[in-house]
Amino acid sequence: MQSLNETFSALADPTRRAILARLAIGEATVLELAKPFAMSQPAISRHLKVLEGAGLILRRVEGTKRPCRLAKSGVEAADRWLEMLRGALEKNYQRLDAVLAETKPGNEQEENR
C-alpha cells in the first residue's frame, strides 16, 4: 500500500484529478486520456506514472496499448483517511450543537441558574 503523502501529492495536480475522474467512468488508454488536454502524450504518461506510483491507478499491457483503470486499494485508503476526518468533524458539530442548545434563550438549564 502506498503512503497517504504520495496519494495526496498526486491528487494535488488538477490534471491528475481530471484523469482520475475520467477513469471513474471506465478504463482508458493513454491516447484516450490525453485527448482533452493541451499536452503531449509523454506529459500525460508522466502524470500516469505519478498516479501509478501513488497506487491510484493500475496499468496493463494489451498489445501496444497500456489501458489504465482506477486502483481500488489506493482510492479506498484515501477514503478511509477522509472518513476519519469526517467523523471528527461530525463530533465537533455535535459538541457545538450541544453548546448552542445550552446557551439558547429560554433554555430550561439557563432559567434554573
C-alpha atoms as a PDB file:
ATOM      1  CA  MET A   1       0.000   0.000   0.000  1.00  0.00           C
ATOM      2  CA  GLN A   2       1.273   3.449  -0.901  1.00  0.00           C
ATOM      3  CA  SER A   3       1.643   6.257   1.607  1.00  0.00           C
ATOM      4  CA  LEU A   4      -1.023   8.884   2.017  1.00  0.00           C
ATOM      5  CA  ASN A   5       1.633  11.511   1.317  1.00  0.00           C
ATOM      6  CA  GLU A   6       2.139  10.089  -2.179  1.00  0.00           C
ATOM      7  CA  THR A   7      -1.597   9.796  -2.689  1.00  0.00           C
ATOM      8  CA  PHE A   8      -2.419  13.363  -1.733  1.00  0.00           C
ATOM      9  CA  SER A   9       0.630  14.721  -3.546  1.00  0.00           C
ATOM     10  CA  ALA A  10      -0.638  13.019  -6.707  1.00  0.00           C
ATOM     11  CA  LEU A  11      -4.128  14.422  -6.100  1.00  0.00           C
ATOM     12  CA  ALA A  12      -2.770  17.962  -5.721  1.00  0.00           C
ATOM     13  CA  ASP A  13      -2.482  18.341  -9.500  1.00  0.00           C
ATOM     14  CA  PRO A  14      -5.704  19.271 -11.357  1.00  0.00           C
ATOM     15  CA  THR A  15      -4.690  17.311 -14.467  1.00  0.00           C
ATOM     16  CA  ARG A  16      -4.235  14.161 -12.426  1.00  0.00           C
ATOM     17  CA  ARG A  17      -7.580  14.693 -10.707  1.00  0.00           C
ATOM     18  CA  ALA A  18      -9.200  15.086 -14.141  1.00  0.00           C
ATOM     19  CA  ILE A  19      -7.547  11.858 -15.282  1.00  0.00           C
ATOM     20  CA  LEU A  20      -8.927  10.053 -12.233  1.00  0.00           C
ATOM     21  CA  ALA A  21     -12.379  11.493 -12.892  1.00  0.00           C
ATOM     22  CA  ARG A  22     -12.197  10.143 -16.446  1.00  0.00           C
ATOM     23  CA  LEU A  23     -11.066   6.734 -15.178  1.00  0.00           C
ATOM     24  CA  ALA A  24     -14.035   6.691 -12.793  1.00  0.00           C
ATOM     25  CA  ILE A  25     -16.155   6.247 -15.941  1.00  0.00           C
ATOM     26  CA  GLY A  26     -14.075   3.274 -17.053  1.00  0.00           C
ATOM     27  CA  GLU A  27     -10.761   2.027 -18.339  1.00  0.00           C
ATOM     28  CA  ALA A  28      -8.953   4.185 -20.919  1.00  0.00           C
ATOM     29  CA  THR A  29      -5.750   4.171 -22.933  1.00  0.00           C
ATOM     30  CA  VAL A  30      -3.071   6.843 -22.715  1.00  0.00           C
ATOM     31  CA  LEU A  31      -4.223   8.334 -26.025  1.00  0.00           C
ATOM     32  CA  GLU A  32      -7.833   8.475 -24.830  1.00  0.00           C
ATOM     33  CA  LEU A  33      -6.734  10.141 -21.606  1.00  0.00           C
ATOM     34  CA  ALA A  34      -4.574  12.679 -23.481  1.00  0.00           C
ATOM     35  CA  LYS A  35      -7.390  13.842 -25.819  1.00  0.00           C
ATOM     36  CA  PRO A  36      -8.995  16.534 -23.622  1.00  0.00           C
ATOM     37  CA  PHE A  37      -5.664  18.074 -22.595  1.00  0.00           C
ATOM     38  CA  ALA A  38      -3.438  20.510 -24.452  1.00  0.00           C
ATOM     39  CA  MET A  39      -0.333  18.480 -23.695  1.00  0.00           C
ATOM     40  CA  SER A  40       1.746  15.793 -25.283  1.00  0.00           C
ATOM     41  CA  GLN A  41       1.268  12.079 -24.784  1.00  0.00           C
ATOM     42  CA  PRO A  42       4.628  11.878 -22.921  1.00  0.00           C
ATOM     43  CA  ALA A  43       3.388  14.558 -20.499  1.00  0.00           C
ATOM     44  CA  ILE A  44       0.221  12.539 -19.843  1.00  0.00           C
ATOM     45  CA  SER A  45       2.395   9.449 -19.388  1.00  0.00           C
ATOM     46  CA  ARG A  46       4.369  11.273 -16.692  1.00  0.00           C
ATOM     47  CA  HIS A  47       1.113  12.106 -14.886  1.00  0.00           C
ATOM     48  CA  LEU A  48       0.064   8.466 -15.166  1.00  0.00           C
ATOM     49  CA  LYS A  49       3.392   7.365 -13.715  1.00  0.00           C
ATOM     50  CA  VAL A  50       2.789   9.585 -10.667  1.00  0.00           C
ATOM     51  CA  LEU A  51      -0.749   8.221 -10.251  1.00  0.00           C
ATOM     52  CA  GLU A  52       0.515   4.671 -10.589  1.00  0.00           C
ATOM     53  CA  GLY A  53       3.317   5.306  -8.095  1.00  0.00           C
ATOM     54  CA  ALA A  54       0.748   6.648  -5.637  1.00  0.00           C
ATOM     55  CA  GLY A  55      -1.280   3.482  -6.023  1.00  0.00           C
ATOM     56  CA  LEU A  56      -4.278   5.288  -7.514  1.00  0.00           C
ATOM     57  CA  ILE A  57      -4.262   3.595 -10.934  1.00  0.00           C
ATOM     58  CA  LEU A  58      -3.252   0.291 -12.451  1.00  0.00           C
ATOM     59  CA  ARG A  59      -1.910  -0.201 -15.970  1.00  0.00           C
ATOM     60  CA  ARG A  60      -1.766  -3.374 -18.002  1.00  0.00           C
ATOM     61  CA  VAL A  61      -0.201  -4.317 -21.309  1.00  0.00           C
ATOM     62  CA  GLU A  62      -2.584  -5.129 -24.141  1.00  0.00           C
ATOM     63  CA  GLY A  63      -0.516  -5.405 -27.306  1.00  0.00           C
ATOM     64  CA  THR A  64       0.780  -1.903 -27.993  1.00  0.00           C
ATOM     65  CA  LYS A  65      -1.805  -0.291 -25.727  1.00  0.00           C
ATOM     66  CA  ARG A  66      -1.467   0.390 -21.996  1.00  0.00           C
ATOM     67  CA  PRO A  67      -5.021   0.686 -20.642  1.00  0.00           C
ATOM     68  CA  CYS A  68      -5.377   2.340 -17.239  1.00  0.00           C
ATOM     69  CA  ARG A  69      -8.006   1.904 -14.559  1.00  0.00           C
ATOM     70  CA  LEU A  70      -8.599   3.072 -11.013  1.00  0.00           C
ATOM     71  CA  ALA A  71      -6.890   1.072  -8.278  1.00  0.00           C
ATOM     72  CA  LYS A  72      -9.462   0.191  -5.654  1.00  0.00           C
ATOM     73  CA  SER A  73      -6.961  -0.138  -2.784  1.00  0.00           C
ATOM     74  CA  GLY A  74      -5.401   3.295  -3.350  1.00  0.00           C
ATOM     75  CA  VAL A  75      -8.733   5.068  -3.564  1.00  0.00           C
ATOM     76  CA  GLU A  76     -10.058   3.215  -0.517  1.00  0.00           C
ATOM     77  CA  ALA A  77      -7.002   4.139   1.578  1.00  0.00           C
ATOM     78  CA  ALA A  78      -7.564   7.846   0.887  1.00  0.00           C
ATOM     79  CA  ASP A  79     -11.277   7.438   1.557  1.00  0.00           C
ATOM     80  CA  ARG A  80     -10.645   5.762   4.939  1.00  0.00           C
ATOM     81  CA  TRP A  81      -8.430   8.679   5.984  1.00  0.00           C
ATOM     82  CA  LEU A  82     -11.043  11.208   4.842  1.00  0.00           C
ATOM     83  CA  GLU A  83     -13.761   9.219   6.652  1.00  0.00           C
ATOM     84  CA  MET A  84     -11.771   9.573   9.876  1.00  0.00           C
ATOM     85  CA  LEU A  85     -11.750  13.352   9.346  1.00  0.00           C
ATOM     86  CA  ARG A  86     -15.482  13.374   8.574  1.00  0.00           C
ATOM     87  CA  GLY A  87     -16.098  11.516  11.840  1.00  0.00           C
ATOM     88  CA  ALA A  88     -14.024  14.046  13.786  1.00  0.00           C
ATOM     89  CA  LEU A  89     -15.893  16.942  12.163  1.00  0.00           C
ATOM     90  CA  GLU A  90     -19.236  15.343  12.975  1.00  0.00           C
ATOM     91  CA  LYS A  91     -18.239  15.051  16.658  1.00  0.00           C
ATOM     92  CA  ASN A  92     -17.162  18.704  16.648  1.00  0.00           C
ATOM     93  CA  TYR A  93     -20.506  19.759  15.170  1.00  0.00           C
ATOM     94  CA  GLN A  94     -22.377  17.687  17.743  1.00  0.00           C
ATOM     95  CA  ARG A  95     -20.449  19.380  20.576  1.00  0.00           C
ATOM     96  CA  LEU A  96     -21.147  22.789  19.041  1.00  0.00           C
ATOM     97  CA  ASP A  97     -24.841  21.942  18.742  1.00  0.00           C
ATOM     98  CA  ALA A  98     -24.883  20.964  22.432  1.00  0.00           C
ATOM     99  CA  VAL A  99     -23.205  24.232  23.469  1.00  0.00           C
ATOM    100  CA  LEU A 100     -25.581  26.284  21.332  1.00  0.00           C
ATOM    101  CA  ALA A 101     -28.582  24.426  22.751  1.00  0.00           C
ATOM    102  CA  GLU A 102     -27.403  25.233  26.288  1.00  0.00           C
ATOM    103  CA  THR A 103     -26.999  28.935  25.534  1.00  0.00           C
ATOM    104  CA  LYS A 104     -30.257  29.305  23.614  1.00  0.00           C
ATOM    105  CA  PRO A 105     -32.616  31.858  25.247  1.00  0.00           C
ATOM    106  CA  GLY A 106     -35.450  30.145  27.076  1.00  0.00           C
ATOM    107  CA  ASN A 107     -33.375  27.051  27.754  1.00  0.00           C
ATOM    108  CA  GLU A 108     -34.537  25.369  30.966  1.00  0.00           C
ATOM    109  CA  GLN A 109     -30.980  24.971  32.242  1.00  0.00           C
ATOM    110  CA  GLU A 110     -30.407  28.728  31.883  1.00  0.00           C
ATOM    111  CA  GLU A 111     -33.669  29.515  33.708  1.00  0.00           C
ATOM    112  CA  ASN A 112     -32.740  27.243  36.631  1.00  0.00           C
ATOM    113  CA  ARG A 113     -29.449  29.028  37.250  1.00  0.00           C
END
